[in-house]
């Protein structure tokens, strides 16, 4: 069972977008997939509920209670955990004992980079992270590749202690699809495939952990 936490202390960085699309990819790939929503707003859980009648559903598990692990069914192959807003490194530590990977979405703005850097440096000091027991990858999210700001942000992210495992372009499509309980992996048009390609590096990185 591969377990992945998506977290950042900075709100609005796209945690739920990353978590839901990743869960949908695994479901589309035929894996029994659970999405654990630890945020009280319940955005990821609502997304799962909208998806319930689809050919490739994702099982929602509320993660607010500490016993959420007991509600993950036997036979689950993938667990994606959408962390709560304002999570701290010390809070992340509670997930690490049975975690395989941590994804940290970062937006390409000065404010977001500074806020995320503090969180990332704290993550780097956690024992299981320092010992290499849990893989950590940065996700450069909502990039505008045609702008100098995005290129500068990527250069600054390369100086952080973890690798950039995905560069995801900004698109309103993510917003529209999330409202339908869908993801970019539920479509096969040429325009959508170009966005799916943004995820390939991350998916290969995660596959090595399985």
C-alpha atoms as a PDB file:
ATOM      1  CA  UNK A   1       0.000   0.000   0.000  1.00  0.00           C
ATOM      2  CA  UNK A   2       1.549   3.293  -1.127  1.00  0.00           C
ATOM      3  CA  UNK A   3       0.724   6.210   1.208  1.00  0.00           C
ATOM      4  CA  UNK A   4       1.235   9.802   0.086  1.00  0.00           C
ATOM      5  CA  UNK A   5       0.684  12.982   2.095  1.00  0.00           C
ATOM      6  CA  UNK A   6       0.089  16.301   0.306  1.00  0.00           C
ATOM      7  CA  UNK A   7       0.902  19.162   2.665  1.00  0.00           C
ATOM      8  CA  UNK A   8       2.057  22.734   3.076  1.00  0.00           C
ATOM      9  CA  UNK A   9       1.458  25.213   5.869  1.00  0.00           C
ATOM     10  CA  UNK A  10       0.646  27.881   3.273  1.00  0.00           C
ATOM     11  CA  UNK A  11      -3.041  27.912   2.405  1.00  0.00           C
ATOM     12  CA  UNK A  12      -4.217  28.185  -1.176  1.00  0.00           C
ATOM     13  CA  UNK A  13      -1.220  26.353  -2.641  1.00  0.00           C
ATOM     14  CA  UNK A  14      -3.340  23.716  -4.393  1.00  0.00           C
ATOM     15  CA  UNK A  15      -3.121  20.813  -1.930  1.00  0.00           C
ATOM     16  CA  UNK A  16      -6.590  19.511  -2.710  1.00  0.00           C
ATOM     17  CA  UNK A  17      -6.061  19.885  -6.454  1.00  0.00           C
ATOM     18  CA  UNK A  18      -2.890  17.795  -6.270  1.00  0.00           C
ATOM     19  CA  UNK A  19      -4.477  15.224  -3.942  1.00  0.00           C
ATOM     20  CA  UNK A  20      -7.683  14.739  -5.944  1.00  0.00           C
ATOM     21  CA  UNK A  21      -5.989  14.524  -9.335  1.00  0.00           C
ATOM     22  CA  UNK A  22      -3.403  12.095  -7.987  1.00  0.00           C
ATOM     23  CA  UNK A  23      -6.118   9.924  -6.449  1.00  0.00           C
ATOM     24  CA  UNK A  24      -8.050   9.986  -9.732  1.00  0.00           C
ATOM     25  CA  UNK A  25      -4.955   8.903 -11.643  1.00  0.00           C
ATOM     26  CA  UNK A  26      -4.512   5.864  -9.421  1.00  0.00           C
ATOM     27  CA  UNK A  27      -8.211   4.997  -9.644  1.00  0.00           C
ATOM     28  CA  UNK A  28      -8.065   5.266 -13.438  1.00  0.00           C
ATOM     29  CA  UNK A  29      -5.029   2.985 -13.316  1.00  0.00           C
ATOM     30  CA  UNK A  30      -7.131   0.289 -11.667  1.00  0.00           C
ATOM     31  CA  UNK A  31      -5.816   0.750  -8.118  1.00  0.00           C
ATOM     32  CA  UNK A  32      -8.137   0.597  -5.103  1.00  0.00           C
ATOM     33  CA  UNK A  33      -7.675   4.176  -3.961  1.00  0.00           C
ATOM     34  CA  UNK A  34      -8.612   5.996  -0.757  1.00  0.00           C
ATOM     35  CA  UNK A  35      -8.501   9.767  -0.324  1.00  0.00           C
ATOM     36  CA  UNK A  36      -8.169  10.833   3.313  1.00  0.00           C
ATOM     37  CA  UNK A  37      -9.425  14.380   3.900  1.00  0.00           C
ATOM     38  CA  UNK A  38      -7.988  15.835   7.107  1.00  0.00           C
ATOM     39  CA  UNK A  39      -9.169  19.379   6.361  1.00  0.00           C
ATOM     40  CA  UNK A  40     -12.324  20.465   8.170  1.00  0.00           C
ATOM     41  CA  UNK A  41     -13.603  22.156   5.003  1.00  0.00           C
ATOM     42  CA  UNK A  42     -13.941  18.691   3.488  1.00  0.00           C
ATOM     43  CA  UNK A  43     -13.214  19.749  -0.112  1.00  0.00           C
ATOM     44  CA  UNK A  44     -11.583  16.462  -1.080  1.00  0.00           C
ATOM     45  CA  UNK A  45     -14.325  14.424   0.555  1.00  0.00           C
ATOM     46  CA  UNK A  46     -17.002  16.367  -1.367  1.00  0.00           C
ATOM     47  CA  UNK A  47     -15.062  15.744  -4.587  1.00  0.00           C
ATOM     48  CA  UNK A  48     -15.089  11.988  -3.877  1.00  0.00           C
ATOM     49  CA  UNK A  49     -18.819  12.077  -3.207  1.00  0.00           C
ATOM     50  CA  UNK A  50     -19.466  13.751  -6.575  1.00  0.00           C
ATOM     51  CA  UNK A  51     -17.357  11.044  -8.191  1.00  0.00           C
ATOM     52  CA  UNK A  52     -19.177   8.139  -6.528  1.00  0.00           C
ATOM     53  CA  UNK A  53     -21.152   7.101  -9.620  1.00  0.00           C
ATOM     54  CA  UNK A  54     -18.219   7.197 -12.035  1.00  0.00           C
ATOM     55  CA  UNK A  55     -16.460   4.194 -13.522  1.00  0.00           C
ATOM     56  CA  UNK A  56     -13.349   4.872 -11.422  1.00  0.00           C
ATOM     57  CA  UNK A  57     -14.481   6.116  -7.987  1.00  0.00           C
ATOM     58  CA  UNK A  58     -12.215   7.137  -5.110  1.00  0.00           C
ATOM     59  CA  UNK A  59     -13.258   6.162  -1.589  1.00  0.00           C
ATOM     60  CA  UNK A  60     -13.336   9.124   0.825  1.00  0.00           C
ATOM     61  CA  UNK A  61     -12.203   8.631   4.414  1.00  0.00           C
ATOM     62  CA  UNK A  62     -12.664  11.552   6.846  1.00  0.00           C
ATOM     63  CA  UNK A  63      -9.305  12.189   8.470  1.00  0.00           C
ATOM     64  CA  UNK A  64     -10.249  14.636  11.207  1.00  0.00           C
ATOM     65  CA  UNK A  65     -10.397  11.883  13.837  1.00  0.00           C
ATOM     66  CA  UNK A  66      -7.170  10.220  14.895  1.00  0.00           C
ATOM     67  CA  UNK A  67      -8.539   6.724  14.187  1.00  0.00           C
ATOM     68  CA  UNK A  68      -8.988   7.305  10.432  1.00  0.00           C
ATOM     69  CA  UNK A  69      -6.486   4.510   9.653  1.00  0.00           C
ATOM     70  CA  UNK A  70      -8.962   1.971  11.015  1.00  0.00           C
ATOM     71  CA  UNK A  71     -11.421   3.019   8.304  1.00  0.00           C
ATOM     72  CA  UNK A  72      -9.096   2.315   5.374  1.00  0.00           C
ATOM     73  CA  UNK A  73     -10.426  -0.962   3.888  1.00  0.00           C
ATOM     74  CA  UNK A  74      -8.316  -4.056   3.445  1.00  0.00           C
ATOM     75  CA  UNK A  75      -7.144  -4.356  -0.127  1.00  0.00           C
ATOM     76  CA  UNK A  76      -6.511  -0.630  -0.499  1.00  0.00           C
ATOM     77  CA  UNK A  77      -3.548  -0.098  -2.804  1.00  0.00           C
ATOM     78  CA  UNK A  78      -3.154   3.678  -2.709  1.00  0.00           C
ATOM     79  CA  UNK A  79      -3.821   6.174   0.088  1.00  0.00           C
ATOM     80  CA  UNK A  80      -3.606   9.883  -0.698  1.00  0.00           C
ATOM     81  CA  UNK A  81      -3.873  12.187   2.322  1.00  0.00           C
ATOM     82  CA  UNK A  82      -4.966  15.799   1.887  1.00  0.00           C
ATOM     83  CA  UNK A  83      -3.424  17.619   4.875  1.00  0.00           C
ATOM     84  CA  UNK A  84      -5.247  20.365   6.783  1.00  0.00           C
ATOM     85  CA  UNK A  85      -4.535  24.033   6.251  1.00  0.00           C
ATOM     86  CA  UNK A  86      -1.837  25.657   8.410  1.00  0.00           C
ATOM     87  CA  UNK A  87      -0.233  22.297   9.183  1.00  0.00           C
ATOM     88  CA  UNK A  88       3.134  22.545  10.960  1.00  0.00           C
ATOM     89  CA  UNK A  89       6.179  20.309  10.587  1.00  0.00           C
ATOM     90  CA  UNK A  90       5.505  18.883  14.053  1.00  0.00           C
ATOM     91  CA  UNK A  91       1.993  17.939  12.856  1.00  0.00           C
ATOM     92  CA  UNK A  92       3.433  16.250   9.761  1.00  0.00           C
ATOM     93  CA  UNK A  93       5.588  14.112  12.036  1.00  0.00           C
ATOM     94  CA  UNK A  94       2.452  12.334  13.260  1.00  0.00           C
ATOM     95  CA  UNK A  95       1.910  10.943   9.738  1.00  0.00           C
ATOM     96  CA  UNK A  96       5.462   9.826   9.031  1.00  0.00           C
ATOM     97  CA  UNK A  97       5.591   6.399  10.700  1.00  0.00           C
ATOM     98  CA  UNK A  98       3.660   4.688   7.903  1.00  0.00           C
ATOM     99  CA  UNK A  99       4.116   7.207   5.094  1.00  0.00           C
ATOM    100  CA  UNK A 100       6.004   6.594   1.841  1.00  0.00           C
ATOM    101  CA  UNK A 101       6.050  10.070   0.326  1.00  0.00           C
ATOM    102  CA  UNK A 102       5.335  13.707   1.094  1.00  0.00           C
ATOM    103  CA  UNK A 103       4.416  16.120  -1.708  1.00  0.00           C
ATOM    104  CA  UNK A 104       4.697  19.848  -1.008  1.00  0.00           C
ATOM    105  CA  UNK A 105       2.902  22.136  -3.498  1.00  0.00           C
ATOM    106  CA  UNK A 106       4.501  25.588  -3.846  1.00  0.00           C
ATOM    107  CA  UNK A 107       3.132  28.575  -5.773  1.00  0.00           C
ATOM    108  CA  UNK A 108       5.518  30.783  -7.805  1.00  0.00           C
ATOM    109  CA  UNK A 109       5.101  34.047  -5.903  1.00  0.00           C
ATOM    110  CA  UNK A 110       7.476  35.776  -3.530  1.00  0.00           C
ATOM    111  CA  UNK A 111       4.973  35.611  -0.669  1.00  0.00           C
ATOM    112  CA  UNK A 112       4.270  31.903  -1.193  1.00  0.00           C
ATOM    113  CA  UNK A 113       7.919  30.971  -1.612  1.00  0.00           C
ATOM    114  CA  UNK A 114       8.913  32.689   1.629  1.00  0.00           C
ATOM    115  CA  UNK A 115       6.023  31.120   3.550  1.00  0.00           C
ATOM    116  CA  UNK A 116       6.708  27.668   2.108  1.00  0.00           C
ATOM    117  CA  UNK A 117      10.449  27.821   2.703  1.00  0.00           C
ATOM    118  CA  UNK A 118       9.961  28.038   6.467  1.00  0.00           C
ATOM    119  CA  UNK A 119       7.740  24.940   6.357  1.00  0.00           C
ATOM    120  CA  UNK A 120      10.122  23.049   4.067  1.00  0.00           C
ATOM    121  CA  UNK A 121      13.150  23.755   6.246  1.00  0.00           C
ATOM    122  CA  UNK A 122      11.203  22.475   9.244  1.00  0.00           C
ATOM    123  CA  UNK A 123      10.266  19.303   7.359  1.00  0.00           C
ATOM    124  CA  UNK A 124      13.930  18.723   6.505  1.00  0.00           C
ATOM    125  CA  UNK A 125      14.748  18.509  10.230  1.00  0.00           C
ATOM    126  CA  UNK A 126      12.276  15.719  11.029  1.00  0.00           C
ATOM    127  CA  UNK A 127      13.965  12.460  12.017  1.00  0.00           C
ATOM    128  CA  UNK A 128      12.438  10.079   9.449  1.00  0.00           C
ATOM    129  CA  UNK A 129      12.997  12.640   6.714  1.00  0.00           C
ATOM    130  CA  UNK A 130      16.656  13.099   7.670  1.00  0.00           C
ATOM    131  CA  UNK A 131      17.134   9.322   7.688  1.00  0.00           C
ATOM    132  CA  UNK A 132      15.627   8.997   4.225  1.00  0.00           C
ATOM    133  CA  UNK A 133      12.690   6.883   5.402  1.00  0.00           C
ATOM    134  CA  UNK A 134      10.113   9.128   3.684  1.00  0.00           C
ATOM    135  CA  UNK A 135      10.675  10.631   0.218  1.00  0.00           C
ATOM    136  CA  UNK A 136       9.867  14.339  -0.130  1.00  0.00           C
ATOM    137  CA  UNK A 137       9.162  16.086  -3.430  1.00  0.00           C
ATOM    138  CA  UNK A 138       8.269  19.676  -4.286  1.00  0.00           C
ATOM    139  CA  UNK A 139       5.470  20.424  -6.744  1.00  0.00           C
ATOM    140  CA  UNK A 140       5.809  23.765  -8.519  1.00  0.00           C
ATOM    141  CA  UNK A 141       2.108  24.535  -8.922  1.00  0.00           C
ATOM    142  CA  UNK A 142       0.116  26.977 -11.074  1.00  0.00           C
ATOM    143  CA  UNK A 143       3.117  27.968 -13.120  1.00  0.00           C
ATOM    144  CA  UNK A 144       2.882  30.418 -15.985  1.00  0.00           C
ATOM    145  CA  UNK A 145       5.850  29.155 -18.043  1.00  0.00           C
ATOM    146  CA  UNK A 146       5.827  32.227 -20.299  1.00  0.00           C
ATOM    147  CA  UNK A 147       6.596  34.577 -17.366  1.00  0.00           C
ATOM    148  CA  UNK A 148       9.906  35.539 -15.800  1.00  0.00           C
ATOM    149  CA  UNK A 149       8.318  35.193 -12.349  1.00  0.00           C
ATOM    150  CA  UNK A 150       7.719  31.460 -12.825  1.00  0.00           C
ATOM    151  CA  UNK A 151      11.241  30.881 -14.151  1.00  0.00           C
ATOM    152  CA  UNK A 152      12.722  32.801 -11.218  1.00  0.00           C
ATOM    153  CA  UNK A 153      10.577  30.847  -8.762  1.00  0.00           C
ATOM    154  CA  UNK A 154      11.796  27.552 -10.219  1.00  0.00           C
ATOM    155  CA  UNK A 155      15.405  28.685  -9.870  1.00  0.00           C
ATOM    156  CA  UNK A 156      14.801  29.543  -6.209  1.00  0.00           C
ATOM    157  CA  UNK A 157      13.034  26.242  -5.547  1.00  0.00           C
ATOM    158  CA  UNK A 158      16.063  24.364  -6.856  1.00  0.00           C
ATOM    159  CA  UNK A 159      18.007  25.711  -3.864  1.00  0.00           C
ATOM    160  CA  UNK A 160      15.601  24.050  -1.402  1.00  0.00           C
ATOM    161  CA  UNK A 161      16.576  20.728   0.232  1.00  0.00           C
ATOM    162  CA  UNK A 162      14.148  18.577  -1.796  1.00  0.00           C
ATOM    163  CA  UNK A 163      13.799  17.912  -5.537  1.00  0.00           C
ATOM    164  CA  UNK A 164      11.161  19.442  -7.773  1.00  0.00           C
ATOM    165  CA  UNK A 165       9.179  16.400  -8.939  1.00  0.00           C
ATOM    166  CA  UNK A 166       6.548  18.225 -11.016  1.00  0.00           C
ATOM    167  CA  UNK A 167       5.972  21.539 -12.764  1.00  0.00           C
ATOM    168  CA  UNK A 168       2.236  22.020 -13.173  1.00  0.00           C
ATOM    169  CA  UNK A 169       0.919  24.800 -15.367  1.00  0.00           C
ATOM    170  CA  UNK A 170      -1.842  27.138 -14.268  1.00  0.00           C
ATOM    171  CA  UNK A 171      -5.201  26.227 -15.797  1.00  0.00           C
ATOM    172  CA  UNK A 172      -8.833  26.979 -15.041  1.00  0.00           C
ATOM    173  CA  UNK A 173      -9.545  23.444 -16.161  1.00  0.00           C
ATOM    174  CA  UNK A 174      -8.537  22.136 -12.737  1.00  0.00           C
ATOM    175  CA  UNK A 175     -11.145  24.363 -11.081  1.00  0.00           C
ATOM    176  CA  UNK A 176     -13.903  23.363 -13.494  1.00  0.00           C
ATOM    177  CA  UNK A 177     -13.169  19.645 -13.232  1.00  0.00           C
ATOM    178  CA  UNK A 178     -12.953  19.635  -9.435  1.00  0.00           C
ATOM    179  CA  UNK A 179     -16.496  20.981  -9.243  1.00  0.00           C
ATOM    180  CA  UNK A 180     -17.659  17.935 -11.214  1.00  0.00           C
ATOM    181  CA  UNK A 181     -15.753  15.354  -9.195  1.00  0.00           C
ATOM    182  CA  UNK A 182     -13.432  14.842 -12.147  1.00  0.00           C
ATOM    183  CA  UNK A 183      -9.733  15.226 -12.921  1.00  0.00           C
ATOM    184  CA  UNK A 184      -7.474  15.766 -15.905  1.00  0.00           C
ATOM    185  CA  UNK A 185      -7.004  11.993 -16.033  1.00  0.00           C
ATOM    186  CA  UNK A 186     -10.689  11.478 -16.853  1.00  0.00           C
ATOM    187  CA  UNK A 187     -10.258  13.021 -20.310  1.00  0.00           C
ATOM    188  CA  UNK A 188      -8.212  12.173 -23.377  1.00  0.00           C
ATOM    189  CA  UNK A 189      -8.401  15.252 -25.615  1.00  0.00           C
ATOM    190  CA  UNK A 190      -5.179  16.639 -27.031  1.00  0.00           C
ATOM    191  CA  UNK A 191      -5.456  19.805 -24.913  1.00  0.00           C
ATOM    192  CA  UNK A 192      -5.854  17.786 -21.723  1.00  0.00           C
ATOM    193  CA  UNK A 193      -3.031  15.401 -22.607  1.00  0.00           C
ATOM    194  CA  UNK A 194      -0.596  18.305 -22.606  1.00  0.00           C
ATOM    195  CA  UNK A 195      -1.541  18.967 -18.972  1.00  0.00           C
ATOM    196  CA  UNK A 196      -1.288  15.281 -18.110  1.00  0.00           C
ATOM    197  CA  UNK A 197       2.320  15.408 -19.275  1.00  0.00           C
ATOM    198  CA  UNK A 198       3.054  17.862 -16.432  1.00  0.00           C
ATOM    199  CA  UNK A 199       2.436  14.980 -14.015  1.00  0.00           C
ATOM    200  CA  UNK A 200       4.602  12.334 -15.659  1.00  0.00           C
ATOM    201  CA  UNK A 201       7.798  13.119 -13.753  1.00  0.00           C
ATOM    202  CA  UNK A 202       5.971  12.974 -10.413  1.00  0.00           C
ATOM    203  CA  UNK A 203       4.239   9.718 -11.289  1.00  0.00           C
ATOM    204  CA  UNK A 204       7.551   8.096 -12.251  1.00  0.00           C
ATOM    205  CA  UNK A 205       9.091   9.360  -8.998  1.00  0.00           C
ATOM    206  CA  UNK A 206       6.247   7.851  -6.969  1.00  0.00           C
ATOM    207  CA  UNK A 207       6.379   4.580  -8.888  1.00  0.00           C
ATOM    208  CA  UNK A 208       9.947   4.040  -7.707  1.00  0.00           C
ATOM    209  CA  UNK A 209       8.662   4.056  -4.116  1.00  0.00           C
ATOM    210  CA  UNK A 210       6.059   1.356  -4.677  1.00  0.00           C
END
